[in-house]
């Protein structure tokens, strides 16, 4: 059993896993941003439906969040500032997880607004929380174990890293 645990830990902490996770998380967030960027008013409705933010912040979040997701996704794909980007995305994922948790606890029956902003998408559930935790695990791995393999950051002078 100890050998299995050691193998899993070695795999999780590998810089090669970081490359795979950077690409996976980057693509996830780029994809997640697309429908929100194309339909900001529908995304504002999705944000409003969570009934967590004050009304004065809903439009600000609906306009800025998709751009943050897109930019962070691109930065992860190219490997520019991957640890700082992973920190930002980890915080976002914790916020998303919290919003899902609060909404499920309250019994609010809404669509996630995660990848598509239409209200005909599946309603939130535990599976969405599990998905967020898996993506968070990948983001945290990048944050702590990224080795800058296949990364533009390797090309930068040390003072910019």
N, C-alpha and C. Protein backbone atom coordinates (compact mmCIF):
# COMPACT_ATOMS: atom_id res chain seq x y z
N UNK A 1 0.83 -1.20 0.00
CA UNK A 1 0.00 0.00 0.00
C UNK A 1 0.87 1.26 0.00
N UNK A 2 1.98 1.22 0.79
CA UNK A 2 2.87 2.39 0.84
C UNK A 2 3.48 2.66 -0.53
N UNK A 3 3.79 1.60 -1.26
CA UNK A 3 4.36 1.76 -2.59
C UNK A 3 3.39 2.43 -3.54
N UNK A 4 2.13 2.07 -3.44
CA UNK A 4 1.11 2.67 -4.28
C UNK A 4 0.94 4.16 -3.96
N UNK A 5 0.90 4.47 -2.67
CA UNK A 5 0.76 5.87 -2.25
C UNK A 5 1.96 6.68 -2.72
N UNK A 6 3.16 6.10 -2.56
CA UNK A 6 4.38 6.79 -3.00
C UNK A 6 4.36 7.03 -4.51
N UNK A 7 3.87 6.05 -5.27
CA UNK A 7 3.80 6.20 -6.73
C UNK A 7 2.82 7.30 -7.13
N UNK A 8 1.68 7.33 -6.45
CA UNK A 8 0.68 8.36 -6.75
C UNK A 8 1.24 9.74 -6.41
N UNK A 9 1.90 9.87 -5.27
CA UNK A 9 2.48 11.15 -4.87
C UNK A 9 3.57 11.56 -5.87
N UNK A 10 4.42 10.62 -6.27
CA UNK A 10 5.47 10.94 -7.24
C UNK A 10 4.87 11.37 -8.58
N UNK A 11 3.80 10.71 -8.99
CA UNK A 11 3.14 11.09 -10.23
C UNK A 11 2.53 12.47 -10.12
N UNK A 12 1.84 12.74 -9.00
CA UNK A 12 1.18 14.04 -8.80
C UNK A 12 2.19 15.18 -8.74
N UNK A 13 3.35 14.95 -8.16
CA UNK A 13 4.34 16.03 -8.00
C UNK A 13 5.29 16.15 -9.19
N UNK A 14 5.11 15.34 -10.19
CA UNK A 14 5.99 15.35 -11.35
C UNK A 14 5.82 16.62 -12.19
N UNK A 15 6.93 17.19 -12.67
CA UNK A 15 6.80 18.35 -13.57
C UNK A 15 6.13 17.97 -14.89
N UNK A 16 6.17 16.69 -15.27
CA UNK A 16 5.48 16.25 -16.49
C UNK A 16 3.96 16.30 -16.28
N UNK A 17 3.52 15.97 -15.08
CA UNK A 17 2.09 16.10 -14.76
C UNK A 17 1.68 17.57 -14.84
N UNK A 18 2.58 18.45 -14.44
CA UNK A 18 2.27 19.88 -14.50
C UNK A 18 1.99 20.33 -15.93
N UNK A 19 2.74 19.82 -16.88
CA UNK A 19 2.52 20.19 -18.28
C UNK A 19 1.12 19.74 -18.71
N UNK A 20 0.79 18.49 -18.40
CA UNK A 20 -0.53 17.96 -18.76
C UNK A 20 -1.62 18.76 -18.07
N UNK A 21 -1.44 19.05 -16.78
CA UNK A 21 -2.44 19.80 -16.02
C UNK A 21 -2.55 21.24 -16.52
N UNK A 22 -1.41 21.86 -16.89
CA UNK A 22 -1.47 23.23 -17.44
C UNK A 22 -2.33 23.25 -18.69
N UNK A 23 -2.11 22.30 -19.56
CA UNK A 23 -2.89 22.25 -20.81
C UNK A 23 -4.35 21.95 -20.51
N UNK A 24 -4.61 20.99 -19.63
CA UNK A 24 -5.99 20.62 -19.33
C UNK A 24 -6.75 21.79 -18.69
N UNK A 25 -6.17 22.38 -17.66
CA UNK A 25 -6.84 23.49 -16.97
C UNK A 25 -6.94 24.69 -17.90
N UNK A 26 -5.91 24.95 -18.67
CA UNK A 26 -5.95 26.06 -19.62
C UNK A 26 -7.08 25.90 -20.63
N UNK A 27 -7.20 24.71 -21.21
CA UNK A 27 -8.26 24.46 -22.18
C UNK A 27 -9.65 24.52 -21.53
N UNK A 28 -9.76 24.02 -20.32
CA UNK A 28 -11.04 24.07 -19.60
C UNK A 28 -11.49 25.52 -19.43
N UNK A 29 -10.57 26.37 -18.99
CA UNK A 29 -10.95 27.76 -18.74
C UNK A 29 -11.16 28.55 -20.03
N UNK A 30 -10.41 28.25 -21.07
CA UNK A 30 -10.66 28.91 -22.36
C UNK A 30 -12.05 28.52 -22.86
N UNK A 31 -12.36 27.24 -22.80
CA UNK A 31 -13.68 26.78 -23.23
C UNK A 31 -14.78 27.39 -22.37
N UNK A 32 -14.56 27.44 -21.06
CA UNK A 32 -15.56 28.00 -20.15
C UNK A 32 -15.83 29.47 -20.43
N UNK A 33 -14.86 30.19 -20.91
CA UNK A 33 -15.02 31.63 -21.14
C UNK A 33 -15.81 31.95 -22.41
N UNK A 34 -15.81 31.05 -23.37
CA UNK A 34 -16.33 31.37 -24.70
C UNK A 34 -17.80 31.79 -24.69
N UNK A 35 -18.69 30.96 -24.17
CA UNK A 35 -20.11 31.29 -24.21
C UNK A 35 -20.42 32.52 -23.35
N UNK A 36 -19.68 32.69 -22.28
CA UNK A 36 -19.87 33.85 -21.41
C UNK A 36 -19.47 35.14 -22.13
N UNK A 37 -18.39 35.07 -22.90
CA UNK A 37 -17.95 36.25 -23.66
C UNK A 37 -18.95 36.59 -24.77
N UNK A 38 -19.53 35.57 -25.38
CA UNK A 38 -20.47 35.80 -26.47
C UNK A 38 -21.85 36.25 -25.98
N UNK A 39 -22.18 35.92 -24.73
CA UNK A 39 -23.51 36.23 -24.19
C UNK A 39 -23.40 36.81 -22.78
N UNK A 40 -22.83 38.00 -22.64
CA UNK A 40 -22.63 38.55 -21.29
C UNK A 40 -23.92 38.80 -20.52
N UNK A 41 -24.98 39.17 -21.20
CA UNK A 41 -26.23 39.42 -20.46
C UNK A 41 -26.82 38.12 -19.92
N UNK A 42 -26.71 37.05 -20.69
CA UNK A 42 -27.18 35.74 -20.21
C UNK A 42 -26.32 35.26 -19.05
N UNK A 43 -25.02 35.54 -19.12
CA UNK A 43 -24.15 35.16 -18.01
C UNK A 43 -24.48 35.98 -16.76
N UNK A 44 -24.84 37.24 -16.95
CA UNK A 44 -25.24 38.06 -15.80
C UNK A 44 -26.47 37.46 -15.12
N UNK A 45 -27.39 36.94 -15.91
CA UNK A 45 -28.57 36.28 -15.34
C UNK A 45 -28.14 35.03 -14.56
N UNK A 46 -27.20 34.27 -15.11
CA UNK A 46 -26.71 33.07 -14.41
C UNK A 46 -26.05 33.45 -13.08
N UNK A 47 -25.28 34.52 -13.07
CA UNK A 47 -24.65 35.00 -11.83
C UNK A 47 -25.72 35.45 -10.84
N UNK A 48 -26.70 36.18 -11.33
CA UNK A 48 -27.80 36.66 -10.48
C UNK A 48 -28.55 35.49 -9.83
N UNK A 49 -28.76 34.42 -10.59
CA UNK A 49 -29.54 33.28 -10.11
C UNK A 49 -28.94 32.61 -8.87
N UNK A 50 -27.64 32.77 -8.66
CA UNK A 50 -27.02 32.20 -7.45
C UNK A 50 -27.47 32.95 -6.19
N UNK A 51 -27.90 34.18 -6.36
CA UNK A 51 -28.39 35.01 -5.24
C UNK A 51 -27.36 35.13 -4.11
N UNK A 52 -26.12 35.37 -4.53
CA UNK A 52 -25.02 35.52 -3.57
C UNK A 52 -24.46 36.94 -3.61
N UNK A 53 -24.27 37.46 -4.80
CA UNK A 53 -23.66 38.79 -4.95
C UNK A 53 -24.71 39.89 -4.86
N UNK A 54 -24.30 41.05 -4.36
CA UNK A 54 -25.22 42.20 -4.43
C UNK A 54 -25.41 42.61 -5.89
N UNK A 55 -26.56 43.17 -6.19
CA UNK A 55 -26.90 43.55 -7.56
C UNK A 55 -25.87 44.44 -8.22
N UNK A 56 -25.22 45.28 -7.43
CA UNK A 56 -24.24 46.22 -8.00
C UNK A 56 -22.99 45.52 -8.54
N UNK A 57 -22.74 44.27 -8.14
CA UNK A 57 -21.55 43.55 -8.60
C UNK A 57 -21.82 42.57 -9.73
N UNK A 58 -23.06 42.28 -9.99
CA UNK A 58 -23.39 41.22 -10.96
C UNK A 58 -22.87 41.54 -12.35
N UNK A 59 -23.13 42.74 -12.86
CA UNK A 59 -22.65 43.08 -14.21
C UNK A 59 -21.13 43.13 -14.27
N UNK A 60 -20.50 43.64 -13.23
CA UNK A 60 -19.03 43.68 -13.19
C UNK A 60 -18.46 42.27 -13.28
N UNK A 61 -19.00 41.35 -12.51
CA UNK A 61 -18.54 39.96 -12.54
C UNK A 61 -18.82 39.35 -13.90
N UNK A 62 -20.00 39.59 -14.44
CA UNK A 62 -20.38 39.00 -15.73
C UNK A 62 -19.50 39.48 -16.87
N UNK A 63 -18.98 40.68 -16.76
CA UNK A 63 -18.13 41.21 -17.82
C UNK A 63 -16.66 40.84 -17.62
N UNK A 64 -16.17 40.85 -16.38
CA UNK A 64 -14.75 40.63 -16.15
C UNK A 64 -14.36 39.16 -16.00
N UNK A 65 -15.21 38.35 -15.37
CA UNK A 65 -14.84 36.95 -15.10
C UNK A 65 -14.49 36.17 -16.36
N UNK A 66 -15.28 36.26 -17.44
CA UNK A 66 -14.90 35.50 -18.64
C UNK A 66 -13.54 35.92 -19.21
N UNK A 67 -13.20 37.20 -19.12
CA UNK A 67 -11.89 37.65 -19.60
C UNK A 67 -10.77 37.11 -18.72
N UNK A 68 -10.98 37.07 -17.43
CA UNK A 68 -9.99 36.49 -16.51
C UNK A 68 -9.80 35.02 -16.84
N UNK A 69 -10.90 34.30 -17.06
CA UNK A 69 -10.81 32.88 -17.41
C UNK A 69 -10.05 32.68 -18.72
N UNK A 70 -10.36 33.49 -19.72
CA UNK A 70 -9.70 33.36 -21.03
C UNK A 70 -8.22 33.66 -20.92
N UNK A 71 -7.87 34.76 -20.30
CA UNK A 71 -6.46 35.15 -20.19
C UNK A 71 -5.67 34.13 -19.38
N UNK A 72 -6.23 33.69 -18.26
CA UNK A 72 -5.54 32.68 -17.44
C UNK A 72 -5.39 31.37 -18.21
N UNK A 73 -6.42 30.98 -18.97
CA UNK A 73 -6.32 29.76 -19.76
C UNK A 73 -5.21 29.85 -20.81
N UNK A 74 -5.12 30.97 -21.47
CA UNK A 74 -4.06 31.17 -22.47
C UNK A 74 -2.69 31.16 -21.82
N UNK A 75 -2.57 31.86 -20.68
CA UNK A 75 -1.27 31.88 -19.98
C UNK A 75 -0.83 30.49 -19.55
N UNK A 76 -1.77 29.66 -19.11
CA UNK A 76 -1.40 28.29 -18.75
C UNK A 76 -0.97 27.49 -19.97
N UNK A 77 -1.68 27.64 -21.06
CA UNK A 77 -1.33 26.88 -22.28
C UNK A 77 0.08 27.20 -22.76
N UNK A 78 0.42 28.48 -22.74
CA UNK A 78 1.76 28.84 -23.24
C UNK A 78 2.83 28.75 -22.16
N UNK A 79 2.40 28.60 -20.92
CA UNK A 79 3.37 28.45 -19.84
C UNK A 79 4.00 29.77 -19.42
N UNK A 80 3.22 30.83 -19.43
CA UNK A 80 3.73 32.12 -18.98
C UNK A 80 3.11 32.43 -17.61
N UNK A 81 3.95 32.60 -16.63
CA UNK A 81 3.55 32.83 -15.24
C UNK A 81 2.57 31.76 -14.75
N UNK A 82 2.91 30.47 -14.93
CA UNK A 82 1.95 29.41 -14.60
C UNK A 82 1.59 29.35 -13.11
N UNK A 83 2.53 29.63 -12.24
CA UNK A 83 2.22 29.55 -10.81
C UNK A 83 1.29 30.67 -10.37
N UNK A 84 1.54 31.87 -10.83
CA UNK A 84 0.66 32.99 -10.49
C UNK A 84 -0.73 32.76 -11.08
N UNK A 85 -0.76 32.26 -12.30
CA UNK A 85 -2.04 31.97 -12.94
C UNK A 85 -2.77 30.86 -12.20
N UNK A 86 -2.05 29.83 -11.79
CA UNK A 86 -2.66 28.73 -11.04
C UNK A 86 -3.20 29.23 -9.70
N UNK A 87 -2.53 30.18 -9.09
CA UNK A 87 -3.04 30.75 -7.84
C UNK A 87 -4.37 31.47 -8.08
N UNK A 88 -4.43 32.28 -9.12
CA UNK A 88 -5.67 33.00 -9.46
C UNK A 88 -6.80 32.00 -9.72
N UNK A 89 -6.50 30.98 -10.52
CA UNK A 89 -7.54 30.00 -10.86
C UNK A 89 -7.94 29.16 -9.66
N UNK A 90 -7.00 28.87 -8.77
CA UNK A 90 -7.34 28.11 -7.56
C UNK A 90 -8.30 28.91 -6.69
N UNK A 91 -8.05 30.20 -6.58
CA UNK A 91 -8.97 31.06 -5.80
C UNK A 91 -10.34 31.09 -6.47
N UNK A 92 -10.36 31.23 -7.80
CA UNK A 92 -11.64 31.22 -8.52
C UNK A 92 -12.37 29.90 -8.32
N UNK A 93 -11.64 28.79 -8.40
CA UNK A 93 -12.27 27.49 -8.23
C UNK A 93 -12.83 27.32 -6.82
N UNK A 94 -12.14 27.85 -5.83
CA UNK A 94 -12.67 27.80 -4.46
C UNK A 94 -13.94 28.64 -4.35
N UNK A 95 -13.96 29.79 -5.02
CA UNK A 95 -15.16 30.61 -5.04
C UNK A 95 -16.31 29.91 -5.76
N UNK A 96 -16.00 29.28 -6.89
CA UNK A 96 -17.03 28.54 -7.63
C UNK A 96 -17.58 27.41 -6.77
N UNK A 97 -16.68 26.67 -6.13
CA UNK A 97 -17.09 25.57 -5.27
C UNK A 97 -17.98 26.08 -4.14
N UNK A 98 -17.60 27.18 -3.56
CA UNK A 98 -18.41 27.78 -2.48
C UNK A 98 -19.78 28.20 -2.98
N UNK A 99 -19.84 28.82 -4.15
CA UNK A 99 -21.13 29.24 -4.71
C UNK A 99 -22.03 28.04 -4.98
N UNK A 100 -21.45 26.97 -5.52
CA UNK A 100 -22.23 25.76 -5.75
C UNK A 100 -22.72 25.18 -4.43
N UNK A 101 -21.83 25.12 -3.44
CA UNK A 101 -22.19 24.57 -2.13
C UNK A 101 -23.33 25.35 -1.49
N UNK A 102 -23.20 26.66 -1.50
CA UNK A 102 -24.24 27.51 -0.90
C UNK A 102 -25.57 27.32 -1.62
N UNK A 103 -25.53 27.29 -2.93
CA UNK A 103 -26.77 27.13 -3.71
C UNK A 103 -27.41 25.77 -3.47
N UNK A 104 -26.60 24.73 -3.43
CA UNK A 104 -27.15 23.40 -3.15
C UNK A 104 -27.73 23.34 -1.74
N UNK A 105 -27.04 23.92 -0.79
CA UNK A 105 -27.52 23.94 0.59
C UNK A 105 -28.85 24.67 0.69
N UNK A 106 -28.97 25.76 -0.02
CA UNK A 106 -30.21 26.55 -0.02
C UNK A 106 -31.33 25.88 -0.82
N UNK A 107 -30.98 24.87 -1.62
CA UNK A 107 -31.97 24.20 -2.45
C UNK A 107 -32.36 24.98 -3.69
N UNK A 108 -31.47 25.88 -4.13
CA UNK A 108 -31.74 26.68 -5.32
C UNK A 108 -31.51 25.79 -6.55
N UNK A 109 -32.51 25.68 -7.39
CA UNK A 109 -32.47 24.82 -8.57
C UNK A 109 -32.13 25.66 -9.79
N UNK A 110 -30.83 25.78 -10.09
CA UNK A 110 -30.37 26.64 -11.19
C UNK A 110 -29.39 25.88 -12.06
N UNK A 111 -29.16 26.40 -13.26
CA UNK A 111 -28.09 25.86 -14.09
C UNK A 111 -26.78 26.52 -13.65
N UNK A 112 -25.71 25.83 -13.87
CA UNK A 112 -24.40 26.26 -13.36
C UNK A 112 -23.92 27.57 -13.98
N UNK A 113 -24.02 27.71 -15.29
CA UNK A 113 -23.46 28.87 -15.95
C UNK A 113 -21.96 28.71 -16.15
N UNK A 114 -21.47 27.50 -15.96
CA UNK A 114 -20.03 27.25 -16.02
C UNK A 114 -19.48 27.24 -17.45
N UNK A 115 -20.13 26.47 -18.32
CA UNK A 115 -19.66 26.35 -19.69
C UNK A 115 -20.65 26.88 -20.70
N UNK A 116 -21.90 26.94 -20.32
CA UNK A 116 -22.95 27.49 -21.19
C UNK A 116 -23.89 28.30 -20.31
N UNK A 117 -24.33 29.41 -20.81
CA UNK A 117 -25.13 30.32 -19.99
C UNK A 117 -26.62 30.17 -20.20
N UNK A 118 -27.04 29.24 -21.03
CA UNK A 118 -28.47 29.04 -21.23
C UNK A 118 -29.08 28.34 -20.02
N UNK A 119 -30.33 28.58 -19.78
CA UNK A 119 -31.00 27.98 -18.62
C UNK A 119 -31.45 26.56 -18.88
N UNK A 120 -31.28 26.06 -20.11
CA UNK A 120 -31.68 24.70 -20.42
C UNK A 120 -30.59 23.68 -20.11
N UNK A 121 -29.45 24.14 -19.65
CA UNK A 121 -28.35 23.26 -19.31
C UNK A 121 -28.70 22.54 -18.01
N UNK A 122 -28.05 21.40 -17.77
CA UNK A 122 -28.29 20.63 -16.55
C UNK A 122 -28.21 21.49 -15.30
N UNK A 123 -29.01 21.13 -14.34
CA UNK A 123 -29.03 21.85 -13.06
C UNK A 123 -27.81 21.43 -12.23
N UNK A 124 -27.41 22.31 -11.30
CA UNK A 124 -26.25 22.04 -10.47
C UNK A 124 -26.51 20.83 -9.56
N UNK A 125 -25.42 20.18 -9.19
CA UNK A 125 -25.49 19.03 -8.30
C UNK A 125 -24.12 18.72 -7.75
N UNK A 126 -24.04 17.64 -7.01
CA UNK A 126 -22.78 17.23 -6.38
C UNK A 126 -21.70 16.98 -7.44
N UNK A 127 -22.08 16.47 -8.60
CA UNK A 127 -21.09 16.19 -9.65
C UNK A 127 -20.34 17.45 -10.07
N UNK A 128 -21.01 18.60 -10.03
CA UNK A 128 -20.35 19.85 -10.37
C UNK A 128 -19.29 20.21 -9.32
N UNK A 129 -19.60 19.91 -8.08
CA UNK A 129 -18.64 20.19 -7.00
C UNK A 129 -17.43 19.26 -7.12
N UNK A 130 -17.67 17.99 -7.44
CA UNK A 130 -16.57 17.04 -7.63
C UNK A 130 -15.69 17.50 -8.80
N UNK A 131 -16.33 17.93 -9.88
CA UNK A 131 -15.57 18.42 -11.04
C UNK A 131 -14.69 19.61 -10.66
N UNK A 132 -15.25 20.56 -9.90
CA UNK A 132 -14.47 21.72 -9.46
C UNK A 132 -13.30 21.30 -8.58
N UNK A 133 -13.50 20.32 -7.71
CA UNK A 133 -12.42 19.85 -6.84
C UNK A 133 -11.32 19.17 -7.65
N UNK A 134 -11.69 18.43 -8.70
CA UNK A 134 -10.67 17.79 -9.54
C UNK A 134 -9.84 18.84 -10.29
N UNK A 135 -10.51 19.84 -10.83
CA UNK A 135 -9.79 20.91 -11.53
C UNK A 135 -8.94 21.69 -10.51
N UNK A 136 -9.47 21.89 -9.32
CA UNK A 136 -8.69 22.56 -8.26
C UNK A 136 -7.44 21.76 -7.92
N UNK A 137 -7.56 20.44 -7.84
CA UNK A 137 -6.39 19.60 -7.56
C UNK A 137 -5.32 19.77 -8.64
N UNK A 138 -5.74 19.88 -9.89
CA UNK A 138 -4.77 20.11 -10.98
C UNK A 138 -4.14 21.49 -10.86
N UNK A 139 -4.95 22.48 -10.53
CA UNK A 139 -4.45 23.84 -10.40
C UNK A 139 -3.47 23.97 -9.24
N UNK A 140 -3.76 23.32 -8.15
CA UNK A 140 -2.86 23.34 -6.98
C UNK A 140 -1.56 22.64 -7.32
N UNK A 141 -1.63 21.57 -8.09
CA UNK A 141 -0.41 20.87 -8.50
C UNK A 141 0.48 21.80 -9.32
N UNK A 142 -0.11 22.56 -10.22
CA UNK A 142 0.65 23.53 -11.02
C UNK A 142 1.28 24.57 -10.10
N UNK A 143 0.50 25.04 -9.16
CA UNK A 143 0.96 26.07 -8.23
C UNK A 143 2.22 25.64 -7.48
N UNK A 144 2.25 24.41 -7.02
CA UNK A 144 3.35 23.96 -6.17
C UNK A 144 4.44 23.18 -6.88
N UNK A 145 4.14 22.57 -8.02
CA UNK A 145 5.11 21.64 -8.61
C UNK A 145 5.47 21.92 -10.06
N UNK A 146 5.00 23.03 -10.62
CA UNK A 146 5.32 23.30 -12.02
C UNK A 146 6.83 23.48 -12.19
N UNK A 147 7.37 22.77 -13.15
CA UNK A 147 8.81 22.84 -13.40
C UNK A 147 9.17 23.62 -14.64
N UNK A 148 8.23 24.35 -15.20
CA UNK A 148 8.43 25.17 -16.40
C UNK A 148 8.84 24.35 -17.62
N UNK A 149 8.47 23.07 -17.65
CA UNK A 149 8.72 22.28 -18.85
C UNK A 149 7.79 22.77 -19.95
N UNK A 150 8.28 22.83 -21.16
CA UNK A 150 7.50 23.27 -22.30
C UNK A 150 6.78 24.59 -21.99
N UNK A 151 7.54 25.53 -21.51
CA UNK A 151 6.99 26.78 -21.02
C UNK A 151 7.73 27.96 -21.62
N UNK A 152 6.99 29.00 -21.97
CA UNK A 152 7.62 30.23 -22.44
C UNK A 152 8.40 30.89 -21.30
N UNK A 153 7.93 30.68 -20.09
CA UNK A 153 8.59 31.30 -18.94
C UNK A 153 10.07 30.91 -18.85
N UNK A 154 10.41 29.73 -19.32
CA UNK A 154 11.82 29.31 -19.32
C UNK A 154 12.70 30.25 -20.13
N UNK A 155 12.11 30.92 -21.10
CA UNK A 155 12.87 31.80 -21.97
C UNK A 155 13.08 33.20 -21.38
N UNK A 156 12.33 33.50 -20.32
CA UNK A 156 12.44 34.81 -19.69
C UNK A 156 13.68 34.92 -18.81
N UNK A 157 14.22 36.11 -18.67
CA UNK A 157 15.31 36.27 -17.71
C UNK A 157 14.80 35.95 -16.29
N UNK A 158 15.68 35.49 -15.46
CA UNK A 158 15.32 35.08 -14.10
C UNK A 158 14.62 36.19 -13.33
N UNK A 159 14.95 37.43 -13.59
CA UNK A 159 14.34 38.54 -12.84
C UNK A 159 12.84 38.69 -13.10
N UNK A 160 12.32 38.10 -14.22
CA UNK A 160 10.89 38.21 -14.53
C UNK A 160 10.08 37.02 -14.03
N UNK A 161 10.74 35.99 -13.54
CA UNK A 161 10.02 34.80 -13.10
C UNK A 161 9.51 34.93 -11.71
